[in-house]
Amino acid sequence: MPKARGPYTPVGRMNKTEAAYAGLLEDQRRTGVIKWWAYEPCKLRLADKTTYTPDFMVVDGNDEIEFHEVKGFWRDDARAKIKIANELFPFRFLAVTKSKTGWDYEEFPRHV
């Protein structure tokens, strides 16, 4: 049986916020804003026995790889993992939250 992510959503299954964001990504793919996206396609190794599984891997219109982490709210451990991943890997990392007016994005400055 897969481990639960938080109190409600099993691993490998999108919660409601992630599913809504997946709909946005699919619309962007169909209109050519992005070229491709996938849900939880890989794990990034941050340290021994420590991995980070970004919610979405996205290939933008310039063939650049981005990782989008979608949260209803941020816990300290999740924020720490995305910051560490941002320092270790040469990809664009975005924190995405749902707001009353749409989606809010926080981009982490590239370190690599």
N, C-alpha and C. Protein backbone atom coordinates (compact mmCIF):
# COMPACT_ATOMS: atom_id res chain seq x y z
N MET A 1 0.84 -1.18 0.00
CA MET A 1 0.00 0.00 0.00
C MET A 1 0.89 1.24 0.00
N PRO A 2 0.63 2.21 -0.91
CA PRO A 2 1.46 3.40 -0.94
C PRO A 2 1.29 4.25 0.31
N LYS A 3 2.38 4.94 0.67
CA LYS A 3 2.32 5.86 1.80
C LYS A 3 1.41 7.03 1.46
N ALA A 4 0.81 7.59 2.47
CA ALA A 4 -0.05 8.76 2.26
C ALA A 4 0.80 10.02 2.24
N ARG A 5 0.39 10.97 1.40
CA ARG A 5 1.00 12.30 1.38
C ARG A 5 0.07 13.21 2.14
N GLY A 6 0.46 13.57 3.32
CA GLY A 6 -0.45 14.36 4.13
C GLY A 6 -1.59 13.47 4.60
N PRO A 7 -2.65 14.04 5.11
CA PRO A 7 -3.70 13.22 5.69
C PRO A 7 -4.65 12.58 4.68
N TYR A 8 -4.64 13.00 3.39
CA TYR A 8 -5.70 12.56 2.50
C TYR A 8 -5.26 11.93 1.18
N THR A 9 -4.14 12.32 0.61
CA THR A 9 -3.83 11.95 -0.76
C THR A 9 -2.72 10.90 -0.83
N PRO A 10 -2.99 9.73 -1.44
CA PRO A 10 -1.94 8.72 -1.58
C PRO A 10 -0.85 9.16 -2.56
N VAL A 11 0.34 8.61 -2.40
CA VAL A 11 1.44 8.89 -3.31
C VAL A 11 1.03 8.53 -4.73
N GLY A 12 1.41 9.39 -5.68
CA GLY A 12 1.11 9.13 -7.08
C GLY A 12 -0.25 9.62 -7.53
N ARG A 13 -1.05 10.14 -6.63
CA ARG A 13 -2.36 10.68 -6.96
C ARG A 13 -2.40 12.16 -6.67
N MET A 14 -2.95 12.92 -7.58
CA MET A 14 -3.04 14.37 -7.39
C MET A 14 -4.14 14.72 -6.40
N ASN A 15 -3.85 15.74 -5.59
CA ASN A 15 -4.91 16.31 -4.77
C ASN A 15 -5.70 17.30 -5.64
N LYS A 16 -6.71 17.95 -5.10
CA LYS A 16 -7.56 18.84 -5.91
C LYS A 16 -6.79 20.04 -6.45
N THR A 17 -5.89 20.60 -5.67
CA THR A 17 -5.12 21.75 -6.13
C THR A 17 -4.18 21.34 -7.26
N GLU A 18 -3.50 20.21 -7.11
CA GLU A 18 -2.62 19.72 -8.16
C GLU A 18 -3.40 19.39 -9.43
N ALA A 19 -4.58 18.79 -9.29
CA ALA A 19 -5.40 18.47 -10.46
C ALA A 19 -5.83 19.73 -11.20
N ALA A 20 -6.18 20.77 -10.46
CA ALA A 20 -6.55 22.04 -11.09
C ALA A 20 -5.35 22.63 -11.83
N TYR A 21 -4.17 22.54 -11.24
CA TYR A 21 -2.96 23.06 -11.88
C TYR A 21 -2.62 22.23 -13.12
N ALA A 22 -2.82 20.92 -13.04
CA ALA A 22 -2.59 20.06 -14.20
C ALA A 22 -3.48 20.49 -15.37
N GLY A 23 -4.71 20.89 -15.07
CA GLY A 23 -5.60 21.40 -16.11
C GLY A 23 -5.04 22.65 -16.76
N LEU A 24 -4.47 23.55 -15.96
CA LEU A 24 -3.84 24.76 -16.49
C LEU A 24 -2.65 24.39 -17.38
N LEU A 25 -1.82 23.45 -16.91
CA LEU A 25 -0.67 23.04 -17.71
C LEU A 25 -1.10 22.41 -19.04
N GLU A 26 -2.16 21.61 -18.99
CA GLU A 26 -2.64 20.98 -20.23
C GLU A 26 -3.16 22.04 -21.21
N ASP A 27 -3.85 23.05 -20.70
CA ASP A 27 -4.28 24.15 -21.56
C ASP A 27 -3.08 24.87 -22.18
N GLN A 28 -2.05 25.08 -21.38
CA GLN A 28 -0.83 25.73 -21.88
C GLN A 28 -0.12 24.87 -22.93
N ARG A 29 -0.16 23.55 -22.74
CA ARG A 29 0.45 22.65 -23.73
C ARG A 29 -0.31 22.71 -25.05
N ARG A 30 -1.63 22.67 -24.96
CA ARG A 30 -2.45 22.70 -26.18
C ARG A 30 -2.29 24.00 -26.96
N THR A 31 -2.05 25.10 -26.26
CA THR A 31 -1.91 26.39 -26.93
C THR A 31 -0.46 26.74 -27.26
N GLY A 32 0.48 25.84 -26.94
CA GLY A 32 1.88 26.05 -27.31
C GLY A 32 2.70 26.89 -26.35
N VAL A 33 2.13 27.25 -25.20
CA VAL A 33 2.90 28.02 -24.20
C VAL A 33 4.00 27.15 -23.62
N ILE A 34 3.69 25.89 -23.33
CA ILE A 34 4.69 24.91 -22.90
C ILE A 34 4.65 23.75 -23.90
N LYS A 35 5.73 22.95 -23.90
CA LYS A 35 5.79 21.82 -24.83
C LYS A 35 5.37 20.50 -24.21
N TRP A 36 5.57 20.36 -22.89
CA TRP A 36 5.32 19.06 -22.26
C TRP A 36 5.24 19.26 -20.76
N TRP A 37 4.50 18.37 -20.10
CA TRP A 37 4.48 18.34 -18.64
C TRP A 37 4.18 16.93 -18.17
N ALA A 38 4.58 16.61 -16.94
CA ALA A 38 4.27 15.31 -16.34
C ALA A 38 4.15 15.50 -14.83
N TYR A 39 3.34 14.65 -14.21
CA TYR A 39 3.14 14.68 -12.77
C TYR A 39 4.09 13.70 -12.09
N GLU A 40 4.87 14.19 -11.15
CA GLU A 40 5.81 13.40 -10.35
C GLU A 40 6.61 12.39 -11.18
N PRO A 41 7.29 12.83 -12.26
CA PRO A 41 8.00 11.88 -13.11
C PRO A 41 9.35 11.44 -12.58
N CYS A 42 9.89 12.12 -11.56
CA CYS A 42 11.23 11.75 -11.10
C CYS A 42 11.43 12.17 -9.65
N LYS A 43 12.45 11.59 -9.06
CA LYS A 43 12.90 11.98 -7.72
C LYS A 43 14.29 12.57 -7.85
N LEU A 44 14.54 13.63 -7.14
CA LEU A 44 15.86 14.24 -7.11
C LEU A 44 16.52 13.88 -5.79
N ARG A 45 17.74 13.39 -5.86
CA ARG A 45 18.45 13.02 -4.64
C ARG A 45 19.13 14.25 -4.07
N LEU A 46 18.78 14.60 -2.85
CA LEU A 46 19.34 15.78 -2.20
C LEU A 46 20.51 15.43 -1.30
N ALA A 47 20.47 14.25 -0.68
CA ALA A 47 21.52 13.78 0.22
C ALA A 47 21.26 12.30 0.47
N ASP A 48 22.14 11.66 1.22
CA ASP A 48 21.91 10.26 1.57
C ASP A 48 20.55 10.13 2.26
N LYS A 49 19.73 9.24 1.77
CA LYS A 49 18.41 8.95 2.32
C LYS A 49 17.45 10.14 2.30
N THR A 50 17.74 11.12 1.45
CA THR A 50 16.86 12.29 1.33
C THR A 50 16.59 12.57 -0.14
N THR A 51 15.33 12.49 -0.53
CA THR A 51 14.95 12.78 -1.91
C THR A 51 13.84 13.81 -1.93
N TYR A 52 13.65 14.39 -3.09
CA TYR A 52 12.60 15.37 -3.31
C TYR A 52 11.90 15.00 -4.60
N THR A 53 10.59 14.85 -4.55
CA THR A 53 9.79 14.55 -5.73
C THR A 53 8.96 15.78 -6.08
N PRO A 54 9.40 16.56 -7.07
CA PRO A 54 8.61 17.73 -7.46
C PRO A 54 7.26 17.29 -8.02
N ASP A 55 6.25 18.13 -7.82
CA ASP A 55 4.92 17.80 -8.31
C ASP A 55 4.88 17.70 -9.83
N PHE A 56 5.44 18.70 -10.51
CA PHE A 56 5.35 18.74 -11.97
C PHE A 56 6.70 19.05 -12.59
N MET A 57 7.01 18.33 -13.65
CA MET A 57 8.15 18.64 -14.51
C MET A 57 7.54 19.24 -15.77
N VAL A 58 8.08 20.39 -16.19
CA VAL A 58 7.52 21.13 -17.32
C VAL A 58 8.66 21.46 -18.28
N VAL A 59 8.41 21.29 -19.57
CA VAL A 59 9.34 21.78 -20.59
C VAL A 59 8.68 23.01 -21.20
N ASP A 60 9.35 24.15 -21.03
CA ASP A 60 8.75 25.41 -21.50
C ASP A 60 8.94 25.57 -23.01
N GLY A 61 8.51 26.69 -23.53
CA GLY A 61 8.57 26.95 -24.97
C GLY A 61 9.97 27.07 -25.52
N ASN A 62 10.97 27.23 -24.64
CA ASN A 62 12.38 27.32 -25.05
C ASN A 62 13.14 26.03 -24.78
N ASP A 63 12.42 24.94 -24.54
CA ASP A 63 13.00 23.64 -24.24
C ASP A 63 13.78 23.61 -22.92
N GLU A 64 13.45 24.51 -22.01
CA GLU A 64 14.07 24.52 -20.68
C GLU A 64 13.21 23.68 -19.73
N ILE A 65 13.86 22.94 -18.84
CA ILE A 65 13.16 22.13 -17.86
C ILE A 65 12.90 22.95 -16.61
N GLU A 66 11.66 22.87 -16.13
CA GLU A 66 11.25 23.54 -14.90
C GLU A 66 10.59 22.50 -13.99
N PHE A 67 10.70 22.74 -12.70
CA PHE A 67 9.97 21.93 -11.73
C PHE A 67 9.02 22.85 -10.98
N HIS A 68 7.74 22.47 -10.93
CA HIS A 68 6.71 23.27 -10.27
C HIS A 68 6.20 22.50 -9.06
N GLU A 69 6.27 23.13 -7.90
CA GLU A 69 5.78 22.55 -6.66
C GLU A 69 4.51 23.28 -6.27
N VAL A 70 3.39 22.55 -6.25
CA VAL A 70 2.08 23.15 -6.01
C VAL A 70 1.66 22.86 -4.56
N LYS A 71 1.33 23.91 -3.84
CA LYS A 71 0.93 23.77 -2.43
C LYS A 71 -0.26 24.64 -2.12
N GLY A 72 -1.14 24.12 -1.26
CA GLY A 72 -2.19 24.94 -0.70
C GLY A 72 -1.60 25.85 0.36
N PHE A 73 -0.64 25.31 1.11
CA PHE A 73 0.14 26.08 2.07
C PHE A 73 1.49 25.37 2.21
N TRP A 74 2.49 26.10 2.65
CA TRP A 74 3.85 25.58 2.71
C TRP A 74 4.24 25.16 4.12
N ARG A 75 4.76 23.96 4.22
CA ARG A 75 5.37 23.49 5.47
C ARG A 75 6.87 23.74 5.36
N ASP A 76 7.53 23.89 6.49
CA ASP A 76 8.96 24.20 6.50
C ASP A 76 9.80 23.16 5.77
N ASP A 77 9.48 21.86 5.94
CA ASP A 77 10.28 20.82 5.30
C ASP A 77 10.16 20.87 3.78
N ALA A 78 8.98 21.18 3.27
CA ALA A 78 8.80 21.26 1.81
C ALA A 78 9.57 22.45 1.25
N ARG A 79 9.52 23.57 1.94
CA ARG A 79 10.25 24.76 1.48
C ARG A 79 11.75 24.49 1.53
N ALA A 80 12.23 23.81 2.55
CA ALA A 80 13.65 23.49 2.65
C ALA A 80 14.09 22.60 1.48
N LYS A 81 13.29 21.60 1.16
CA LYS A 81 13.67 20.68 0.08
C LYS A 81 13.74 21.37 -1.27
N ILE A 82 12.79 22.25 -1.59
CA ILE A 82 12.83 22.92 -2.89
C ILE A 82 14.03 23.88 -2.94
N LYS A 83 14.37 24.51 -1.81
CA LYS A 83 15.53 25.40 -1.78
C LYS A 83 16.83 24.62 -1.98
N ILE A 84 16.94 23.46 -1.35
CA ILE A 84 18.13 22.62 -1.52
C ILE A 84 18.23 22.13 -2.95
N ALA A 85 17.12 21.67 -3.52
CA ALA A 85 17.12 21.22 -4.92
C ALA A 85 17.54 22.34 -5.85
N ASN A 86 17.07 23.53 -5.58
CA ASN A 86 17.42 24.70 -6.39
C ASN A 86 18.93 24.97 -6.35
N GLU A 87 19.56 24.72 -5.21
CA GLU A 87 21.00 24.93 -5.09
C GLU A 87 21.81 23.83 -5.78
N LEU A 88 21.24 22.63 -5.88
CA LEU A 88 21.99 21.49 -6.42
C LEU A 88 21.82 21.26 -7.92
N PHE A 89 20.68 21.63 -8.47
CA PHE A 89 20.35 21.25 -9.84
C PHE A 89 20.16 22.47 -10.75
N PRO A 90 20.53 22.33 -12.03
CA PRO A 90 20.49 23.47 -12.96
C PRO A 90 19.15 23.65 -13.66
N PHE A 91 18.08 23.60 -12.89
CA PHE A 91 16.74 23.75 -13.43
C PHE A 91 16.05 24.94 -12.76
N ARG A 92 14.99 25.40 -13.36
CA ARG A 92 14.18 26.46 -12.77
C ARG A 92 13.17 25.80 -11.83
N PHE A 93 13.08 26.30 -10.60
CA PHE A 93 12.15 25.79 -9.60
C PHE A 93 11.12 26.87 -9.28
N LEU A 94 9.84 26.50 -9.32
CA LEU A 94 8.76 27.43 -9.02
C LEU A 94 7.87 26.86 -7.92
N ALA A 95 7.56 27.69 -6.94
CA ALA A 95 6.55 27.36 -5.94
C ALA A 95 5.25 27.97 -6.43
N VAL A 96 4.21 27.16 -6.49
CA VAL A 96 2.92 27.59 -7.03
C VAL A 96 1.85 27.43 -5.96
N THR A 97 1.10 28.50 -5.74
CA THR A 97 -0.02 28.43 -4.80
C THR A 97 -1.27 28.99 -5.46
N LYS A 98 -2.40 28.45 -5.09
CA LYS A 98 -3.69 28.90 -5.62
C LYS A 98 -4.16 30.10 -4.80
N SER A 99 -4.58 31.14 -5.50
CA SER A 99 -5.13 32.31 -4.82
C SER A 99 -6.55 32.55 -5.31
N LYS A 100 -7.20 33.54 -4.76
CA LYS A 100 -8.57 33.84 -5.17
C LYS A 100 -8.62 34.36 -6.60
N THR A 101 -7.52 34.92 -7.08
CA THR A 101 -7.51 35.49 -8.43
C THR A 101 -6.80 34.61 -9.46
N GLY A 102 -6.31 33.44 -9.05
CA GLY A 102 -5.62 32.56 -9.99
C GLY A 102 -4.48 31.82 -9.31
N TRP A 103 -3.32 31.86 -9.93
CA TRP A 103 -2.15 31.15 -9.42
C TRP A 103 -1.05 32.16 -9.11
N ASP A 104 -0.39 31.97 -7.97
CA ASP A 104 0.75 32.80 -7.59
C ASP A 104 2.01 31.97 -7.74
N TYR A 105 3.06 32.60 -8.28
CA TYR A 105 4.32 31.91 -8.55
C TYR A 105 5.44 32.58 -7.78
N GLU A 106 6.28 31.75 -7.18
CA GLU A 106 7.51 32.22 -6.56
C GLU A 106 8.65 31.48 -7.23
N GLU A 107 9.54 32.23 -7.87
CA GLU A 107 10.68 31.60 -8.53
C GLU A 107 11.89 31.70 -7.62
N PHE A 108 12.62 30.61 -7.51
CA PHE A 108 13.83 30.59 -6.71
C PHE A 108 15.01 30.95 -7.61
N PRO A 109 15.87 31.87 -7.17
CA PRO A 109 17.01 32.26 -8.01
C PRO A 109 17.93 31.08 -8.24
N ARG A 110 18.44 30.99 -9.46
CA ARG A 110 19.33 29.88 -9.81
C ARG A 110 20.68 30.04 -9.14
N HIS A 111 21.20 28.91 -8.63
CA HIS A 111 22.51 28.90 -7.97
C HIS A 111 23.54 28.13 -8.78
N VAL A 112 23.10 27.21 -9.62
CA VAL A 112 24.02 26.34 -10.36
C VAL A 112 24.35 26.96 -11.70
